[in-house]
Amino acid sequence: MKSTNEMAEEIDASVQDKAHIRYREIVVVAFGLTFNNLGTGIAASITGVNIGLTAMCTFVISLIALWFGSKLGGRVVGPLLGDYAPAVSGILLVILGLIEMFW
């Protein structure tokens, strides 16, 4: 088991190397986004929407949103927030999750 100092050093190294994301981090984000799509699928089946068309539109719009968010985050918001950018992005994801849960 790792000590608190080892975990803190690992987090610091991860934050300092912003150009590279670990595969584990990618998988965690992918699973989080997948749960969002699961809810979309359930809602689509309940309302009788065409699942294939919904999946295709979700895929295309998600790619566009990811590309736009990546450009916006990397060129505008990231440099503006500096070292606080990862924390702010996490807070934004939590806020979006709460909005989806209650509205």
Protein backbone atom coordinates (compact mmCIF):
# COMPACT_ATOMS: atom_id res chain seq x y z
CA MET A 1 0.00 0.00 0.00
CA LYS A 2 1.29 3.45 -0.91
CA SER A 3 1.92 6.15 1.64
CA THR A 4 0.26 9.53 1.42
CA ASN A 5 3.52 11.13 0.32
CA GLU A 6 3.95 8.61 -2.52
CA MET A 7 0.42 9.27 -3.74
CA ALA A 8 0.95 13.04 -3.53
CA GLU A 9 4.18 12.76 -5.53
CA GLU A 10 2.41 10.66 -8.15
CA ILE A 11 -0.38 13.22 -8.44
CA ASP A 12 2.15 16.06 -8.70
CA ALA A 13 4.00 14.23 -11.48
CA SER A 14 0.72 13.61 -13.30
CA VAL A 15 -0.31 17.26 -13.05
CA GLN A 16 3.10 18.53 -14.20
CA ASP A 17 3.06 16.29 -17.29
CA LYS A 18 -0.05 17.82 -18.88
CA ALA A 19 0.86 16.72 -22.41
CA HIS A 20 0.38 13.03 -21.61
CA ILE A 21 -2.64 11.31 -20.15
CA ARG A 22 -2.31 7.83 -18.71
CA TYR A 23 -4.41 5.04 -20.14
CA ARG A 24 -5.99 4.53 -16.73
CA GLU A 25 -7.20 8.15 -16.75
CA ILE A 26 -8.59 7.72 -20.25
CA VAL A 27 -10.48 4.58 -19.22
CA VAL A 28 -11.96 6.26 -16.14
CA VAL A 29 -13.22 9.21 -18.20
CA ALA A 30 -14.55 6.83 -20.88
CA PHE A 31 -16.53 4.84 -18.30
CA GLY A 32 -17.97 8.05 -16.86
CA LEU A 33 -19.12 9.17 -20.29
CA THR A 34 -20.48 5.69 -21.00
CA PHE A 35 -22.78 5.89 -17.99
CA ASN A 36 -24.14 9.13 -19.44
CA ASN A 37 -24.86 7.31 -22.70
CA LEU A 38 -26.54 4.51 -20.77
CA GLY A 39 -29.03 7.03 -19.41
CA THR A 40 -29.56 8.41 -22.90
CA GLY A 41 -30.27 4.90 -24.20
CA ILE A 42 -32.78 4.19 -21.47
CA ALA A 43 -34.56 7.49 -22.09
CA ALA A 44 -34.58 6.87 -25.85
CA SER A 45 -36.11 3.41 -25.45
CA ILE A 46 -38.77 4.68 -23.05
CA THR A 47 -39.83 7.44 -25.44
CA GLY A 48 -39.69 5.19 -28.50
CA VAL A 49 -36.94 7.12 -30.31
CA ASN A 50 -35.00 5.29 -33.02
CA ILE A 51 -31.98 3.89 -31.14
CA GLY A 52 -29.70 3.71 -34.20
CA LEU A 53 -30.35 7.31 -35.20
CA THR A 54 -29.96 8.47 -31.61
CA ALA A 55 -26.64 6.62 -31.25
CA MET A 56 -25.32 8.05 -34.54
CA CYS A 57 -26.32 11.61 -33.66
CA THR A 58 -24.89 11.26 -30.15
CA PHE A 59 -21.62 9.94 -31.60
CA VAL A 60 -21.24 12.77 -34.12
CA ILE A 61 -22.22 15.52 -31.69
CA SER A 62 -19.96 14.04 -28.99
CA LEU A 63 -16.98 14.07 -31.35
CA ILE A 64 -17.64 17.69 -32.28
CA ALA A 65 -18.09 18.68 -28.62
CA LEU A 66 -14.90 16.84 -27.58
CA TRP A 67 -12.90 18.49 -30.37
CA PHE A 68 -14.28 21.95 -29.57
CA GLY A 69 -13.78 21.48 -25.82
CA SER A 70 -10.23 20.28 -26.39
CA LYS A 71 -9.38 23.33 -28.47
CA LEU A 72 -11.10 25.71 -26.06
CA GLY A 73 -9.51 24.10 -23.01
CA GLY A 74 -6.03 23.84 -24.50
CA ARG A 75 -5.81 27.31 -25.99
CA VAL A 76 -8.04 29.52 -23.84
CA VAL A 77 -9.17 28.10 -20.53
CA GLY A 78 -6.10 25.95 -19.74
CA PRO A 79 -3.55 28.76 -19.97
CA LEU A 80 -5.91 31.14 -18.18
CA LEU A 81 -6.38 28.82 -15.19
CA GLY A 82 -2.86 27.37 -15.17
CA ASP A 83 -2.31 24.70 -12.55
CA TYR A 84 -5.93 24.94 -11.40
CA ALA A 85 -7.31 23.75 -14.77
CA PRO A 86 -7.60 20.04 -13.82
CA ALA A 87 -9.42 20.87 -10.59
CA VAL A 88 -11.78 23.28 -12.35
CA SER A 89 -12.53 20.71 -15.07
CA GLY A 90 -13.35 18.13 -12.40
CA ILE A 91 -15.65 20.57 -10.63
CA LEU A 92 -17.38 21.35 -13.94
CA LEU A 93 -17.98 17.64 -14.55
CA VAL A 94 -19.52 17.26 -11.09
CA ILE A 95 -21.74 20.30 -11.67
CA LEU A 96 -22.87 18.95 -15.05
CA GLY A 97 -23.64 15.60 -13.43
CA LEU A 98 -25.72 17.28 -10.75
CA ILE A 99 -27.57 19.32 -13.37
CA GLU A 100 -28.38 16.16 -15.33
CA MET A 101 -29.47 14.37 -12.17
CA PHE A 102 -31.88 17.02 -10.99
CA TRP A 103 -33.16 18.65 -14.20
